[in-house]
Amino acid sequence: MKNFFNDIKLELGKISWVNKRENIKSTGGVVVVSIILGVFLLLVDFVLSSITEFLLGGK
C-alpha cells in the first residue's frame, strides 16, 4: 500500500502544472469566448423568432 502512494506522489511530480498567470489568461479567454458565443446565439434566436412570427402572422 505504501508503494502505491509513493508511486502516486512520483507521478504527480512528473506533471507540468500551469502557473497562475497562464491559468488566469486561459480562464479569461474562455469567459470572453463564452460571452461572444452567448451574444451571437442571442442575436440568431432573435432574428429567427422574428422571422417565424412574421411568417406565421404573429403579434
PDB file of N, CA and C in Angstrom:
ATOM      1  N   MET A   1       0.830  -1.187   0.000  1.00  0.00           N
ATOM      2  CA  MET A   1       0.000   0.000   0.000  1.00  0.00           C
ATOM      3  C   MET A   1       0.877   1.253   0.000  1.00  0.00           C
ATOM      4  N   LYS A   2       1.979   1.200   0.739  1.00  0.00           N
ATOM      5  CA  LYS A   2       2.884   2.336   0.795  1.00  0.00           C
ATOM      6  C   LYS A   2       3.494   2.603  -0.581  1.00  0.00           C
ATOM      7  N   ASN A   3       3.825   1.541  -1.302  1.00  0.00           N
ATOM      8  CA  ASN A   3       4.387   1.702  -2.654  1.00  0.00           C
ATOM      9  C   ASN A   3       3.391   2.387  -3.582  1.00  0.00           C
ATOM     10  N   PHE A   4       2.129   2.044  -3.420  1.00  0.00           N
ATOM     11  CA  PHE A   4       1.078   2.651  -4.246  1.00  0.00           C
ATOM     12  C   PHE A   4       1.068   4.166  -4.082  1.00  0.00           C
ATOM     13  N   PHE A   5       1.073   4.639  -2.845  1.00  0.00           N
ATOM     14  CA  PHE A   5       1.043   6.080  -2.597  1.00  0.00           C
ATOM     15  C   PHE A   5       2.349   6.755  -2.998  1.00  0.00           C
ATOM     16  N   ASN A   6       3.449   6.046  -2.862  1.00  0.00           N
ATOM     17  CA  ASN A   6       4.727   6.599  -3.332  1.00  0.00           C
ATOM     18  C   ASN A   6       4.720   6.751  -4.846  1.00  0.00           C
ATOM     19  N   ASP A   7       4.128   5.769  -5.529  1.00  0.00           N
ATOM     20  CA  ASP A   7       4.025   5.854  -6.991  1.00  0.00           C
ATOM     21  C   ASP A   7       3.131   7.018  -7.413  1.00  0.00           C
ATOM     22  N   ILE A   8       2.047   7.230  -6.684  1.00  0.00           N
ATOM     23  CA  ILE A   8       1.163   8.360  -6.989  1.00  0.00           C
ATOM     24  C   ILE A   8       1.913   9.672  -6.816  1.00  0.00           C
ATOM     25  N   LYS A   9       2.643   9.796  -5.725  1.00  0.00           N
ATOM     26  CA  LYS A   9       3.413  11.012  -5.467  1.00  0.00           C
ATOM     27  C   LYS A   9       4.454  11.238  -6.570  1.00  0.00           C
ATOM     28  N   LEU A  10       5.092  10.172  -7.014  1.00  0.00           N
ATOM     29  CA  LEU A  10       6.092  10.255  -8.076  1.00  0.00           C
ATOM     30  C   LEU A  10       5.448  10.708  -9.387  1.00  0.00           C
ATOM     31  N   GLU A  11       4.293  10.139  -9.717  1.00  0.00           N
ATOM     32  CA  GLU A  11       3.609  10.510 -10.956  1.00  0.00           C
ATOM     33  C   GLU A  11       3.112  11.950 -10.923  1.00  0.00           C
ATOM     34  N   LEU A  12       2.611  12.403  -9.770  1.00  0.00           N
ATOM     35  CA  LEU A  12       2.161  13.787  -9.660  1.00  0.00           C
ATOM     36  C   LEU A  12       3.319  14.762  -9.816  1.00  0.00           C
ATOM     37  N   GLY A  13       4.495  14.339  -9.442  1.00  0.00           N
ATOM     38  CA  GLY A  13       5.676  15.183  -9.610  1.00  0.00           C
ATOM     39  C   GLY A  13       6.077  15.351 -11.069  1.00  0.00           C
ATOM     40  N   LYS A  14       5.662  14.431 -11.930  1.00  0.00           N
ATOM     41  CA  LYS A  14       6.006  14.492 -13.349  1.00  0.00           C
ATOM     42  C   LYS A  14       5.097  15.444 -14.128  1.00  0.00           C
ATOM     43  N   ILE A  15       3.985  15.839 -13.529  1.00  0.00           N
ATOM     44  CA  ILE A  15       3.030  16.693 -14.220  1.00  0.00           C
ATOM     45  C   ILE A  15       3.584  18.110 -14.311  1.00  0.00           C
ATOM     46  N   SER A  16       3.449  18.713 -15.492  1.00  0.00           N
ATOM     47  CA  SER A  16       3.857  20.115 -15.631  1.00  0.00           C
ATOM     48  C   SER A  16       2.622  20.972 -15.356  1.00  0.00           C
ATOM     49  N   TRP A  17       2.555  21.508 -14.151  1.00  0.00           N
ATOM     50  CA  TRP A  17       1.408  22.288 -13.723  1.00  0.00           C
ATOM     51  C   TRP A  17       1.452  23.664 -14.357  1.00  0.00           C
ATOM     52  N   VAL A  18       0.295  24.189 -14.706  1.00  0.00           N
ATOM     53  CA  VAL A  18       0.182  25.516 -15.298  1.00  0.00           C
ATOM     54  C   VAL A  18       0.363  26.544 -14.184  1.00  0.00           C
ATOM     55  N   ASN A  19       1.146  27.597 -14.492  1.00  0.00           N
ATOM     56  CA  ASN A  19       1.328  28.609 -13.452  1.00  0.00           C
ATOM     57  C   ASN A  19       0.096  29.515 -13.369  1.00  0.00           C
ATOM     58  N   LYS A  20       0.048  30.334 -12.353  1.00  0.00           N
ATOM     59  CA  LYS A  20      -1.140  31.144 -12.068  1.00  0.00           C
ATOM     60  C   LYS A  20      -1.464  32.096 -13.217  1.00  0.00           C
ATOM     61  N   ARG A  21      -0.447  32.705 -13.792  1.00  0.00           N
ATOM     62  CA  ARG A  21      -0.662  33.669 -14.874  1.00  0.00           C
ATOM     63  C   ARG A  21      -1.283  33.003 -16.102  1.00  0.00           C
ATOM     64  N   GLU A  22      -0.768  31.832 -16.481  1.00  0.00           N
ATOM     65  CA  GLU A  22      -1.321  31.109 -17.630  1.00  0.00           C
ATOM     66  C   GLU A  22      -2.751  30.661 -17.347  1.00  0.00           C
ATOM     67  N   ASN A  23      -3.013  30.262 -16.122  1.00  0.00           N
ATOM     68  CA  ASN A  23      -4.347  29.816 -15.737  1.00  0.00           C
ATOM     69  C   ASN A  23      -5.358  30.966 -15.836  1.00  0.00           C
ATOM     70  N   ILE A  24      -4.973  32.142 -15.344  1.00  0.00           N
ATOM     71  CA  ILE A  24      -5.848  33.312 -15.421  1.00  0.00           C
ATOM     72  C   ILE A  24      -6.075  33.708 -16.873  1.00  0.00           C
ATOM     73  N   LYS A  25      -5.031  33.664 -17.692  1.00  0.00           N
ATOM     74  CA  LYS A  25      -5.142  34.013 -19.103  1.00  0.00           C
ATOM     75  C   LYS A  25      -6.088  33.048 -19.827  1.00  0.00           C
ATOM     76  N   SER A  26      -5.962  31.764 -19.557  1.00  0.00           N
ATOM     77  CA  SER A  26      -6.832  30.771 -20.191  1.00  0.00           C
ATOM     78  C   SER A  26      -8.278  30.944 -19.740  1.00  0.00           C
ATOM     79  N   THR A  27      -8.469  31.188 -18.458  1.00  0.00           N
ATOM     80  CA  THR A  27      -9.824  31.385 -17.934  1.00  0.00           C
ATOM     81  C   THR A  27     -10.461  32.623 -18.554  1.00  0.00           C
ATOM     82  N   GLY A  28      -9.692  33.686 -18.683  1.00  0.00           N
ATOM     83  CA  GLY A  28     -10.195  34.903 -19.323  1.00  0.00           C
ATOM     84  C   GLY A  28     -10.602  34.646 -20.766  1.00  0.00           C
ATOM     85  N   GLY A  29      -9.814  33.860 -21.464  1.00  0.00           N
ATOM     86  CA  GLY A  29     -10.150  33.513 -22.848  1.00  0.00           C
ATOM     87  C   GLY A  29     -11.452  32.741 -22.935  1.00  0.00           C
ATOM     88  N   VAL A  30     -11.644  31.811 -22.031  1.00  0.00           N
ATOM     89  CA  VAL A  30     -12.883  31.029 -22.015  1.00  0.00           C
ATOM     90  C   VAL A  30     -14.078  31.929 -21.725  1.00  0.00           C
ATOM     91  N   VAL A  31     -13.924  32.848 -20.777  1.00  0.00           N
ATOM     92  CA  VAL A  31     -15.021  33.763 -20.441  1.00  0.00           C
ATOM     93  C   VAL A  31     -15.364  34.652 -21.636  1.00  0.00           C
ATOM     94  N   VAL A  32     -14.353  35.202 -22.298  1.00  0.00           N
ATOM     95  CA  VAL A  32     -14.594  36.079 -23.451  1.00  0.00           C
ATOM     96  C   VAL A  32     -15.283  35.322 -24.581  1.00  0.00           C
ATOM     97  N   VAL A  33     -14.797  34.137 -24.902  1.00  0.00           N
ATOM     98  CA  VAL A  33     -15.405  33.346 -25.972  1.00  0.00           C
ATOM     99  C   VAL A  33     -16.836  32.960 -25.606  1.00  0.00           C
ATOM    100  N   SER A  34     -17.077  32.638 -24.347  1.00  0.00           N
ATOM    101  CA  SER A  34     -18.431  32.282 -23.904  1.00  0.00           C
ATOM    102  C   SER A  34     -19.382  33.464 -24.048  1.00  0.00           C
ATOM    103  N   ILE A  35     -18.928  34.664 -23.701  1.00  0.00           N
ATOM    104  CA  ILE A  35     -19.763  35.859 -23.836  1.00  0.00           C
ATOM    105  C   ILE A  35     -20.056  36.143 -25.304  1.00  0.00           C
ATOM    106  N   ILE A  36     -19.033  36.064 -26.152  1.00  0.00           N
ATOM    107  CA  ILE A  36     -19.227  36.306 -27.580  1.00  0.00           C
ATOM    108  C   ILE A  36     -20.203  35.291 -28.166  1.00  0.00           C
ATOM    109  N   LEU A  37     -20.042  34.032 -27.825  1.00  0.00           N
ATOM    110  CA  LEU A  37     -20.938  32.993 -28.319  1.00  0.00           C
ATOM    111  C   LEU A  37     -22.359  33.211 -27.809  1.00  0.00           C
ATOM    112  N   GLY A  38     -22.494  33.610 -26.557  1.00  0.00           N
ATOM    113  CA  GLY A  38     -23.813  33.879 -25.996  1.00  0.00           C
ATOM    114  C   GLY A  38     -24.518  35.012 -26.714  1.00  0.00           C
ATOM    115  N   VAL A  39     -23.798  36.095 -26.998  1.00  0.00           N
ATOM    116  CA  VAL A  39     -24.378  37.232 -27.713  1.00  0.00           C
ATOM    117  C   VAL A  39     -24.760  36.817 -29.134  1.00  0.00           C
ATOM    118  N   PHE A  40     -23.903  36.052 -29.780  1.00  0.00           N
ATOM    119  CA  PHE A  40     -24.194  35.570 -31.133  1.00  0.00           C
ATOM    120  C   PHE A  40     -25.468  34.722 -31.148  1.00  0.00           C
ATOM    121  N   LEU A  41     -25.585  33.785 -30.205  1.00  0.00           N
ATOM    122  CA  LEU A  41     -26.776  32.940 -30.146  1.00  0.00           C
ATOM    123  C   LEU A  41     -28.021  33.749 -29.810  1.00  0.00           C
ATOM    124  N   LEU A  42     -27.883  34.764 -28.972  1.00  0.00           N
ATOM    125  CA  LEU A  42     -28.996  35.652 -28.658  1.00  0.00           C
ATOM    126  C   LEU A  42     -29.491  36.350 -29.927  1.00  0.00           C
ATOM    127  N   LEU A  43     -28.561  36.867 -30.734  1.00  0.00           N
ATOM    128  CA  LEU A  43     -28.936  37.549 -31.970  1.00  0.00           C
ATOM    129  C   LEU A  43     -29.580  36.592 -32.969  1.00  0.00           C
ATOM    130  N   VAL A  44     -29.009  35.402 -33.123  1.00  0.00           N
ATOM    131  CA  VAL A  44     -29.582  34.411 -34.036  1.00  0.00           C
ATOM    132  C   VAL A  44     -30.991  34.038 -33.585  1.00  0.00           C
ATOM    133  N   ASP A  45     -31.184  33.826 -32.297  1.00  0.00           N
ATOM    134  CA  ASP A  45     -32.501  33.488 -31.769  1.00  0.00           C
ATOM    135  C   ASP A  45     -33.495  34.620 -32.033  1.00  0.00           C
ATOM    136  N   PHE A  46     -33.067  35.847 -31.803  1.00  0.00           N
ATOM    137  CA  PHE A  46     -33.949  36.994 -32.031  1.00  0.00           C
ATOM    138  C   PHE A  46     -34.354  37.092 -33.499  1.00  0.00           C
ATOM    139  N   VAL A  47     -33.390  36.954 -34.402  1.00  0.00           N
ATOM    140  CA  VAL A  47     -33.679  37.056 -35.839  1.00  0.00           C
ATOM    141  C   VAL A  47     -34.607  35.923 -36.271  1.00  0.00           C
ATOM    142  N   LEU A  48     -34.297  34.707 -35.879  1.00  0.00           N
ATOM    143  CA  LEU A  48     -35.127  33.576 -36.304  1.00  0.00           C
ATOM    144  C   LEU A  48     -36.532  33.645 -35.708  1.00  0.00           C
ATOM    145  N   SER A  49     -36.663  34.075 -34.470  1.00  0.00           N
ATOM    146  CA  SER A  49     -38.008  34.190 -33.884  1.00  0.00           C
ATOM    147  C   SER A  49     -38.791  35.325 -34.535  1.00  0.00           C
ATOM    148  N   SER A  50     -38.123  36.403 -34.906  1.00  0.00           N
ATOM    149  CA  SER A  50     -38.800  37.496 -35.620  1.00  0.00           C
ATOM    150  C   SER A  50     -39.287  37.024 -36.985  1.00  0.00           C
ATOM    151  N   ILE A  51     -38.456  36.294 -37.684  1.00  0.00           N
ATOM    152  CA  ILE A  51     -38.850  35.764 -38.998  1.00  0.00           C
ATOM    153  C   ILE A  51     -40.028  34.807 -38.847  1.00  0.00           C
ATOM    154  N   THR A  52     -39.980  33.957 -37.848  1.00  0.00           N
ATOM    155  CA  THR A  52     -41.053  32.990 -37.607  1.00  0.00           C
ATOM    156  C   THR A  52     -42.354  33.697 -37.286  1.00  0.00           C
ATOM    157  N   GLU A  53     -42.309  34.707 -36.415  1.00  0.00           N
ATOM    158  CA  GLU A  53     -43.511  35.471 -36.083  1.00  0.00           C
ATOM    159  C   GLU A  53     -44.087  36.158 -37.305  1.00  0.00           C
ATOM    160  N   PHE A  54     -43.209  36.721 -38.141  1.00  0.00           N
ATOM    161  CA  PHE A  54     -43.669  37.417 -39.348  1.00  0.00           C
ATOM    162  C   PHE A  54     -44.363  36.439 -40.303  1.00  0.00           C
ATOM    163  N   LEU A  55     -43.729  35.287 -40.510  1.00  0.00           N
ATOM    164  CA  LEU A  55     -44.296  34.304 -41.450  1.00  0.00           C
ATOM    165  C   LEU A  55     -45.589  33.686 -40.941  1.00  0.00           C
ATOM    166  N   LEU A  56     -45.726  33.541 -39.637  1.00  0.00           N
ATOM    167  CA  LEU A  56     -46.941  32.940 -39.082  1.00  0.00           C
ATOM    168  C   LEU A  56     -48.011  33.977 -38.745  1.00  0.00           C
ATOM    169  N   GLY A  57     -47.719  35.241 -39.008  1.00  0.00           N
ATOM    170  CA  GLY A  57     -48.694  36.303 -38.763  1.00  0.00           C
ATOM    171  C   GLY A  57     -48.929  36.564 -37.294  1.00  0.00           C
ATOM    172  N   GLY A  58     -47.861  36.507 -36.514  1.00  0.00           N
ATOM    173  CA  GLY A  58     -47.980  36.741 -35.073  1.00  0.00           C
ATOM    174  C   GLY A  58     -48.178  38.212 -34.740  1.00  0.00           C
ATOM    175  N   LYS A  59     -47.992  38.556 -33.513  1.00  0.00           N
ATOM    176  CA  LYS A  59     -48.161  39.906 -32.951  1.00  0.00           C
ATOM    177  C   LYS A  59     -48.068  40.943 -34.014  1.00  0.00           C
TER     178      LYS A  59
END
